[in-house]
């Protein structure tokens, strides 16, 4: 996104990055985390879990650590951890 001006505090704001952790055997393959990820970092994997569903897989590592995926997951099968700087 291109702004028409640079925000005054742009040097002070630090974007926190994260790492996505997936508990594959807990996933039921609903796809909420994939659908609502703002960066589209997740996709369905080609492998099956113990329940016979396709769990999500991380497509790229550009996670903003926004926690949308863990808030939407009905099975608590995905969470993010703040990445070390």
PDB file of N, CA and C in Angstrom:
ATOM      1  N   UNK A   1       0.849  -1.159   0.000  1.00  0.00           N
ATOM      2  CA  UNK A   1       0.000   0.000   0.000  1.00  0.00           C
ATOM      3  C   UNK A   1       0.900   1.228   0.000  1.00  0.00           C
ATOM      4  N   UNK A   2       0.555   2.184  -0.829  1.00  0.00           N
ATOM      5  CA  UNK A   2       1.333   3.406  -0.917  1.00  0.00           C
ATOM      6  C   UNK A   2       0.542   4.545  -0.275  1.00  0.00           C
ATOM      7  N   UNK A   3       1.178   5.209   0.670  1.00  0.00           N
ATOM      8  CA  UNK A   3       0.543   6.329   1.347  1.00  0.00           C
ATOM      9  C   UNK A   3       0.871   7.632   0.625  1.00  0.00           C
ATOM     10  N   UNK A   4      -0.004   8.618   0.749  1.00  0.00           N
ATOM     11  CA  UNK A   4       0.246   9.905   0.112  1.00  0.00           C
ATOM     12  C   UNK A   4       1.229  10.741   0.918  1.00  0.00           C
ATOM     13  N   UNK A   5       1.445  10.332   2.187  1.00  0.00           N
ATOM     14  CA  UNK A   5       2.479  10.958   3.002  1.00  0.00           C
ATOM     15  C   UNK A   5       2.980   9.919   3.997  1.00  0.00           C
ATOM     16  N   UNK A   6       4.138  10.153   4.536  1.00  0.00           N
ATOM     17  CA  UNK A   6       4.721   9.241   5.520  1.00  0.00           C
ATOM     18  C   UNK A   6       4.192   9.628   6.900  1.00  0.00           C
ATOM     19  N   UNK A   7       3.708   8.670   7.696  1.00  0.00           N
ATOM     20  CA  UNK A   7       3.253   9.007   9.045  1.00  0.00           C
ATOM     21  C   UNK A   7       4.379   9.599   9.886  1.00  0.00           C
ATOM     22  N   UNK A   8       4.019  10.495  10.811  1.00  0.00           N
ATOM     23  CA  UNK A   8       5.028  11.203  11.592  1.00  0.00           C
ATOM     24  C   UNK A   8       5.807  10.288  12.525  1.00  0.00           C
ATOM     25  N   UNK A   9       5.200   9.211  12.972  1.00  0.00           N
ATOM     26  CA  UNK A   9       5.874   8.304  13.903  1.00  0.00           C
ATOM     27  C   UNK A   9       6.333   7.008  13.228  1.00  0.00           C
ATOM     28  N   UNK A  10       6.603   7.040  11.936  1.00  0.00           N
ATOM     29  CA  UNK A  10       6.950   5.811  11.218  1.00  0.00           C
ATOM     30  C   UNK A  10       8.258   5.195  11.698  1.00  0.00           C
ATOM     31  N   UNK A  11       9.189   5.995  12.223  1.00  0.00           N
ATOM     32  CA  UNK A  11      10.452   5.452  12.732  1.00  0.00           C
ATOM     33  C   UNK A  11      10.259   4.769  14.086  1.00  0.00           C
ATOM     34  N   UNK A  12       9.243   5.182  14.844  1.00  0.00           N
ATOM     35  CA  UNK A  12       9.025   4.649  16.186  1.00  0.00           C
ATOM     36  C   UNK A  12       8.207   3.355  16.203  1.00  0.00           C
ATOM     37  N   UNK A  13       7.427   3.115  15.155  1.00  0.00           N
ATOM     38  CA  UNK A  13       6.548   1.955  15.118  1.00  0.00           C
ATOM     39  C   UNK A  13       7.336   0.732  14.656  1.00  0.00           C
ATOM     40  N   UNK A  14       7.279  -0.320  15.466  1.00  0.00           N
ATOM     41  CA  UNK A  14       7.933  -1.576  15.110  1.00  0.00           C
ATOM     42  C   UNK A  14       6.859  -2.606  14.798  1.00  0.00           C
ATOM     43  N   UNK A  15       6.976  -3.228  13.661  1.00  0.00           N
ATOM     44  CA  UNK A  15       6.031  -4.268  13.274  1.00  0.00           C
ATOM     45  C   UNK A  15       6.514  -5.574  13.885  1.00  0.00           C
ATOM     46  N   UNK A  16       5.646  -6.190  14.683  1.00  0.00           N
ATOM     47  CA  UNK A  16       5.989  -7.440  15.356  1.00  0.00           C
ATOM     48  C   UNK A  16       5.684  -8.594  14.417  1.00  0.00           C
ATOM     49  N   UNK A  17       6.653  -9.417  14.169  1.00  0.00           N
ATOM     50  CA  UNK A  17       6.480 -10.594  13.315  1.00  0.00           C
ATOM     51  C   UNK A  17       6.227 -11.813  14.182  1.00  0.00           C
ATOM     52  N   UNK A  18       5.671 -12.840  13.584  1.00  0.00           N
ATOM     53  CA  UNK A  18       5.349 -14.036  14.339  1.00  0.00           C
ATOM     54  C   UNK A  18       5.661 -15.300  13.574  1.00  0.00           C
ATOM     55  N   UNK A  19       5.542 -16.400  14.284  1.00  0.00           N
ATOM     56  CA  UNK A  19       5.712 -17.729  13.721  1.00  0.00           C
ATOM     57  C   UNK A  19       4.421 -18.501  13.962  1.00  0.00           C
ATOM     58  N   UNK A  20       3.902 -19.135  12.916  1.00  0.00           N
ATOM     59  CA  UNK A  20       2.654 -19.884  13.016  1.00  0.00           C
ATOM     60  C   UNK A  20       2.959 -21.308  13.467  1.00  0.00           C
ATOM     61  N   UNK A  21       2.239 -21.778  14.489  1.00  0.00           N
ATOM     62  CA  UNK A  21       2.367 -23.147  14.991  1.00  0.00           C
ATOM     63  C   UNK A  21       1.029 -23.844  14.795  1.00  0.00           C
ATOM     64  N   UNK A  22       1.064 -25.029  14.191  1.00  0.00           N
ATOM     65  CA  UNK A  22      -0.151 -25.768  13.867  1.00  0.00           C
ATOM     66  C   UNK A  22      -0.113 -27.119  14.563  1.00  0.00           C
ATOM     67  N   UNK A  23      -1.169 -27.424  15.303  1.00  0.00           N
ATOM     68  CA  UNK A  23      -1.342 -28.746  15.909  1.00  0.00           C
ATOM     69  C   UNK A  23      -2.168 -29.580  14.930  1.00  0.00           C
ATOM     70  N   UNK A  24      -1.487 -30.321  14.066  1.00  0.00           N
ATOM     71  CA  UNK A  24      -2.130 -30.976  12.928  1.00  0.00           C
ATOM     72  C   UNK A  24      -3.172 -32.011  13.333  1.00  0.00           C
ATOM     73  N   UNK A  25      -2.939 -32.756  14.390  1.00  0.00           N
ATOM     74  CA  UNK A  25      -3.896 -33.792  14.772  1.00  0.00           C
ATOM     75  C   UNK A  25      -5.154 -33.233  15.417  1.00  0.00           C
ATOM     76  N   UNK A  26      -5.133 -31.983  15.834  1.00  0.00           N
ATOM     77  CA  UNK A  26      -6.312 -31.365  16.433  1.00  0.00           C
ATOM     78  C   UNK A  26      -7.206 -30.700  15.383  1.00  0.00           C
ATOM     79  N   UNK A  27      -6.671 -30.435  14.200  1.00  0.00           N
ATOM     80  CA  UNK A  27      -7.386 -29.700  13.147  1.00  0.00           C
ATOM     81  C   UNK A  27      -8.502 -30.554  12.544  1.00  0.00           C
ATOM     82  N   UNK A  28      -9.639 -29.898  12.217  1.00  0.00           N
ATOM     83  CA  UNK A  28     -10.737 -30.594  11.553  1.00  0.00           C
ATOM     84  C   UNK A  28     -10.950 -30.105  10.122  1.00  0.00           C
ATOM     85  N   UNK A  29     -10.040 -29.279   9.621  1.00  0.00           N
ATOM     86  CA  UNK A  29     -10.050 -28.883   8.221  1.00  0.00           C
ATOM     87  C   UNK A  29     -11.126 -27.901   7.815  1.00  0.00           C
ATOM     88  N   UNK A  30     -11.562 -27.035   8.715  1.00  0.00           N
ATOM     89  CA  UNK A  30     -12.635 -26.095   8.387  1.00  0.00           C
ATOM     90  C   UNK A  30     -12.173 -24.984   7.440  1.00  0.00           C
ATOM     91  N   UNK A  31     -10.900 -24.583   7.521  1.00  0.00           N
ATOM     92  CA  UNK A  31     -10.363 -23.575   6.614  1.00  0.00           C
ATOM     93  C   UNK A  31     -10.578 -22.139   7.033  1.00  0.00           C
ATOM     94  N   UNK A  32     -11.092 -21.896   8.238  1.00  0.00           N
ATOM     95  CA  UNK A  32     -11.296 -20.518   8.693  1.00  0.00           C
ATOM     96  C   UNK A  32      -9.978 -19.753   8.761  1.00  0.00           C
ATOM     97  N   UNK A  33      -8.943 -20.395   9.247  1.00  0.00           N
ATOM     98  CA  UNK A  33      -7.644 -19.728   9.367  1.00  0.00           C
ATOM     99  C   UNK A  33      -7.094 -19.360   7.994  1.00  0.00           C
ATOM    100  N   UNK A  34      -7.325 -20.208   7.005  1.00  0.00           N
ATOM    101  CA  UNK A  34      -6.840 -19.948   5.652  1.00  0.00           C
ATOM    102  C   UNK A  34      -7.623 -18.803   5.022  1.00  0.00           C
ATOM    103  N   UNK A  35      -8.913 -18.805   5.211  1.00  0.00           N
ATOM    104  CA  UNK A  35      -9.777 -17.806   4.588  1.00  0.00           C
ATOM    105  C   UNK A  35      -9.549 -16.407   5.149  1.00  0.00           C
ATOM    106  N   UNK A  36      -9.343 -16.280   6.449  1.00  0.00           N
ATOM    107  CA  UNK A  36      -9.296 -14.962   7.079  1.00  0.00           C
ATOM    108  C   UNK A  36      -7.890 -14.455   7.395  1.00  0.00           C
ATOM    109  N   UNK A  37      -6.863 -15.134   6.945  1.00  0.00           N
ATOM    110  CA  UNK A  37      -5.494 -14.636   7.168  1.00  0.00           C
ATOM    111  C   UNK A  37      -5.288 -13.380   6.321  1.00  0.00           C
ATOM    112  N   UNK A  38      -4.941 -12.245   6.938  1.00  0.00           N
ATOM    113  CA  UNK A  38      -4.808 -11.002   6.169  1.00  0.00           C
ATOM    114  C   UNK A  38      -3.654 -11.022   5.167  1.00  0.00           C
ATOM    115  N   UNK A  39      -2.644 -11.819   5.406  1.00  0.00           N
ATOM    116  CA  UNK A  39      -1.506 -11.918   4.496  1.00  0.00           C
ATOM    117  C   UNK A  39      -1.569 -13.130   3.568  1.00  0.00           C
ATOM    118  N   UNK A  40      -2.609 -13.948   3.710  1.00  0.00           N
ATOM    119  CA  UNK A  40      -2.773 -15.169   2.914  1.00  0.00           C
ATOM    120  C   UNK A  40      -1.539 -16.063   3.031  1.00  0.00           C
ATOM    121  N   UNK A  41      -1.099 -16.284   4.267  1.00  0.00           N
ATOM    122  CA  UNK A  41       0.086 -17.088   4.547  1.00  0.00           C
ATOM    123  C   UNK A  41      -0.199 -18.571   4.651  1.00  0.00           C
ATOM    124  N   UNK A  42      -1.451 -18.965   4.711  1.00  0.00           N
ATOM    125  CA  UNK A  42      -1.798 -20.365   4.934  1.00  0.00           C
ATOM    126  C   UNK A  42      -2.481 -20.951   3.706  1.00  0.00           C
ATOM    127  N   UNK A  43      -2.333 -22.271   3.556  1.00  0.00           N
ATOM    128  CA  UNK A  43      -3.015 -23.010   2.508  1.00  0.00           C
ATOM    129  C   UNK A  43      -3.275 -24.425   3.019  1.00  0.00           C
ATOM    130  N   UNK A  44      -4.186 -25.151   2.376  1.00  0.00           N
ATOM    131  CA  UNK A  44      -4.424 -26.532   2.755  1.00  0.00           C
ATOM    132  C   UNK A  44      -3.220 -27.378   2.353  1.00  0.00           C
ATOM    133  N   UNK A  45      -2.790 -28.258   3.245  1.00  0.00           N
ATOM    134  CA  UNK A  45      -1.684 -29.154   2.911  1.00  0.00           C
ATOM    135  C   UNK A  45      -2.224 -30.347   2.124  1.00  0.00           C
ATOM    136  N   UNK A  46      -1.339 -31.054   1.485  1.00  0.00           N
ATOM    137  CA  UNK A  46      -1.721 -32.212   0.703  1.00  0.00           C
ATOM    138  C   UNK A  46      -1.790 -33.486   1.551  1.00  0.00           C
ATOM    139  N   UNK A  47      -1.248 -33.428   2.756  1.00  0.00           N
ATOM    140  CA  UNK A  47      -1.247 -34.601   3.631  1.00  0.00           C
ATOM    141  C   UNK A  47      -2.496 -34.617   4.511  1.00  0.00           C
ATOM    142  N   UNK A  48      -2.782 -35.760   5.077  1.00  0.00           N
ATOM    143  CA  UNK A  48      -3.923 -35.940   5.971  1.00  0.00           C
ATOM    144  C   UNK A  48      -3.436 -36.035   7.416  1.00  0.00           C
ATOM    145  N   UNK A  49      -4.290 -35.608   8.355  1.00  0.00           N
ATOM    146  CA  UNK A  49      -3.962 -35.796   9.767  1.00  0.00           C
ATOM    147  C   UNK A  49      -4.601 -37.092  10.263  1.00  0.00           C
ATOM    148  N   UNK A  50      -4.548 -37.351  11.549  1.00  0.00           N
ATOM    149  CA  UNK A  50      -5.064 -38.601  12.115  1.00  0.00           C
ATOM    150  C   UNK A  50      -6.585 -38.731  11.955  1.00  0.00           C
ATOM    151  N   UNK A  51      -7.288 -37.600  11.862  1.00  0.00           N
ATOM    152  CA  UNK A  51      -8.746 -37.626  11.705  1.00  0.00           C
ATOM    153  C   UNK A  51      -9.174 -37.738  10.244  1.00  0.00           C
ATOM    154  N   UNK A  52      -8.233 -37.605   9.310  1.00  0.00           N
ATOM    155  CA  UNK A  52      -8.550 -37.695   7.892  1.00  0.00           C
ATOM    156  C   UNK A  52      -8.816 -36.370   7.217  1.00  0.00           C
ATOM    157  N   UNK A  53      -8.453 -35.270   7.854  1.00  0.00           N
ATOM    158  CA  UNK A  53      -8.645 -33.935   7.284  1.00  0.00           C
ATOM    159  C   UNK A  53      -7.326 -33.385   6.766  1.00  0.00           C
ATOM    160  N   UNK A  54      -7.430 -32.383   5.889  1.00  0.00           N
ATOM    161  CA  UNK A  54      -6.251 -31.672   5.418  1.00  0.00           C
ATOM    162  C   UNK A  54      -6.000 -30.488   6.348  1.00  0.00           C
ATOM    163  N   UNK A  55      -4.969 -30.523   7.178  1.00  0.00           N
ATOM    164  CA  UNK A  55      -4.676 -29.375   8.046  1.00  0.00           C
ATOM    165  C   UNK A  55      -4.027 -28.254   7.234  1.00  0.00           C
ATOM    166  N   UNK A  56      -3.989 -27.046   7.754  1.00  0.00           N
ATOM    167  CA  UNK A  56      -3.322 -25.959   7.036  1.00  0.00           C
ATOM    168  C   UNK A  56      -1.818 -26.125   7.067  1.00  0.00           C
ATOM    169  N   UNK A  57      -1.179 -25.506   6.096  1.00  0.00           N
ATOM    170  CA  UNK A  57       0.278 -25.467   6.029  1.00  0.00           C
ATOM    171  C   UNK A  57       0.681 -24.016   5.790  1.00  0.00           C
ATOM    172  N   UNK A  58       1.840 -23.656   6.258  1.00  0.00           N
ATOM    173  CA  UNK A  58       2.338 -22.288   6.099  1.00  0.00           C
ATOM    174  C   UNK A  58       2.901 -22.139   4.696  1.00  0.00           C
ATOM    175  N   UNK A  59       2.343 -21.185   3.932  1.00  0.00           N
ATOM    176  CA  UNK A  59       2.775 -20.948   2.563  1.00  0.00           C
ATOM    177  C   UNK A  59       4.017 -20.068   2.524  1.00  0.00           C
ATOM    178  N   UNK A  60       4.011 -18.990   3.298  1.00  0.00           N
ATOM    179  CA  UNK A  60       5.189 -18.130   3.434  1.00  0.00           C
ATOM    180  C   UNK A  60       5.282 -17.654   4.875  1.00  0.00           C
ATOM    181  N   UNK A  61       6.436 -17.247   5.274  1.00  0.00           N
ATOM    182  CA  UNK A  61       6.728 -16.937   6.682  1.00  0.00           C
ATOM    183  C   UNK A  61       6.525 -15.461   7.033  1.00  0.00           C
ATOM    184  N   UNK A  62       5.673 -14.753   6.310  1.00  0.00           N
ATOM    185  CA  UNK A  62       5.477 -13.319   6.531  1.00  0.00           C
ATOM    186  C   UNK A  62       4.306 -13.068   7.474  1.00  0.00           C
ATOM    187  N   UNK A  63       4.347 -13.640   8.666  1.00  0.00           N
ATOM    188  CA  UNK A  63       3.264 -13.531   9.631  1.00  0.00           C
ATOM    189  C   UNK A  63       3.362 -12.228  10.409  1.00  0.00           C
ATOM    190  N   UNK A  64       2.237 -11.539  10.557  1.00  0.00           N
ATOM    191  CA  UNK A  64       2.193 -10.278  11.309  1.00  0.00           C
ATOM    192  C   UNK A  64       1.900 -10.479  12.789  1.00  0.00           C
ATOM    193  N   UNK A  65       1.669 -11.709  13.209  1.00  0.00           N
ATOM    194  CA  UNK A  65       1.343 -12.033  14.585  1.00  0.00           C
ATOM    195  C   UNK A  65       0.054 -11.328  15.018  1.00  0.00           C
ATOM    196  N   UNK A  66      -0.949 -11.343  14.141  1.00  0.00           N
ATOM    197  CA  UNK A  66      -2.218 -10.670  14.419  1.00  0.00           C
ATOM    198  C   UNK A  66      -3.177 -11.534  15.241  1.00  0.00           C
ATOM    199  N   UNK A  67      -2.935 -12.821  15.324  1.00  0.00           N
ATOM    200  CA  UNK A  67      -3.723 -13.771  16.124  1.00  0.00           C
ATOM    201  C   UNK A  67      -5.121 -14.030  15.568  1.00  0.00           C
ATOM    202  N   UNK A  68      -5.432 -13.631  14.332  1.00  0.00           N
ATOM    203  CA  UNK A  68      -6.745 -13.925  13.754  1.00  0.00           C
ATOM    204  C   UNK A  68      -6.974 -15.424  13.651  1.00  0.00           C
ATOM    205  N   UNK A  69      -5.950 -16.145  13.232  1.00  0.00           N
ATOM    206  CA  UNK A  69      -6.119 -17.588  13.034  1.00  0.00           C
ATOM    207  C   UNK A  69      -6.471 -18.286  14.347  1.00  0.00           C
ATOM    208  N   UNK A  70      -5.816 -17.914  15.419  1.00  0.00           N
ATOM    209  CA  UNK A  70      -6.120 -18.589  16.684  1.00  0.00           C
ATOM    210  C   UNK A  70      -7.438 -18.125  17.292  1.00  0.00           C
ATOM    211  N   UNK A  71      -7.881 -16.925  16.989  1.00  0.00           N
ATOM    212  CA  UNK A  71      -9.184 -16.469  17.470  1.00  0.00           C
ATOM    213  C   UNK A  71     -10.335 -17.167  16.745  1.00  0.00           C
ATOM    214  N   UNK A  72     -10.134 -17.499  15.469  1.00  0.00           N
ATOM    215  CA  UNK A  72     -11.194 -18.096  14.672  1.00  0.00           C
ATOM    216  C   UNK A  72     -11.239 -19.618  14.739  1.00  0.00           C
ATOM    217  N   UNK A  73     -10.165 -20.259  15.138  1.00  0.00           N
ATOM    218  CA  UNK A  73     -10.099 -21.717  15.110  1.00  0.00           C
ATOM    219  C   UNK A  73     -11.006 -22.321  16.181  1.00  0.00           C
ATOM    220  N   UNK A  74     -12.031 -23.108  15.786  1.00  0.00           N
ATOM    221  CA  UNK A  74     -12.927 -23.695  16.783  1.00  0.00           C
ATOM    222  C   UNK A  74     -12.292 -24.839  17.570  1.00  0.00           C
ATOM    223  N   UNK A  75     -11.215 -25.398  17.073  1.00  0.00           N
ATOM    224  CA  UNK A  75     -10.567 -26.528  17.737  1.00  0.00           C
ATOM    225  C   UNK A  75      -9.268 -26.144  18.447  1.00  0.00           C
ATOM    226  N   UNK A  76      -8.902 -24.872  18.453  1.00  0.00           N
ATOM    227  CA  UNK A  76      -7.666 -24.375  19.059  1.00  0.00           C
ATOM    228  C   UNK A  76      -6.454 -25.124  18.525  1.00  0.00           C
ATOM    229  N   UNK A  77      -6.417 -25.322  17.201  1.00  0.00           N
ATOM    230  CA  UNK A  77      -5.375 -26.104  16.563  1.00  0.00           C
ATOM    231  C   UNK A  77      -4.255 -25.246  15.979  1.00  0.00           C
ATOM    232  N   UNK A  78      -4.370 -23.940  16.060  1.00  0.00           N
ATOM    233  CA  UNK A  78      -3.355 -23.068  15.471  1.00  0.00           C
ATOM    234  C   UNK A  78      -3.128 -21.892  16.405  1.00  0.00           C
ATOM    235  N   UNK A  79      -1.873 -21.452  16.492  1.00  0.00           N
ATOM    236  CA  UNK A  79      -1.536 -20.277  17.295  1.00  0.00           C
ATOM    237  C   UNK A  79      -0.271 -19.656  16.745  1.00  0.00           C
ATOM    238  N   UNK A  80      -0.025 -18.416  17.127  1.00  0.00           N
ATOM    239  CA  UNK A  80       1.179 -17.716  16.688  1.00  0.00           C
ATOM    240  C   UNK A  80       2.028 -17.358  17.902  1.00  0.00           C
ATOM    241  N   UNK A  81       3.318 -17.320  17.668  1.00  0.00           N
ATOM    242  CA  UNK A  81       4.290 -16.980  18.696  1.00  0.00           C
ATOM    243  C   UNK A  81       5.131 -15.834  18.148  1.00  0.00           C
ATOM    244  N   UNK A  82       5.418 -14.869  18.972  1.00  0.00           N
ATOM    245  CA  UNK A  82       6.234 -13.736  18.545  1.00  0.00           C
ATOM    246  C   UNK A  82       7.626 -14.209  18.154  1.00  0.00           C
ATOM    247  N   UNK A  83       8.043 -13.842  16.960  1.00  0.00           N
ATOM    248  CA  UNK A  83       9.348 -14.259  16.454  1.00  0.00           C
ATOM    249  C   UNK A  83      10.447 -13.417  17.098  1.00  0.00           C
ATOM    250  N   UNK A  84      11.600 -14.006  17.348  1.00  0.00           N
ATOM    251  CA  UNK A  84      12.695 -13.218  17.919  1.00  0.00           C
ATOM    252  C   UNK A  84      13.186 -12.185  16.906  1.00  0.00           C
ATOM    253  N   UNK A  85      13.558 -11.037  17.410  1.00  0.00           N
ATOM    254  CA  UNK A  85      14.011  -9.941  16.535  1.00  0.00           C
ATOM    255  C   UNK A  85      15.444 -10.147  16.124  1.00  0.00           C
TER     256      UNK A  85
END
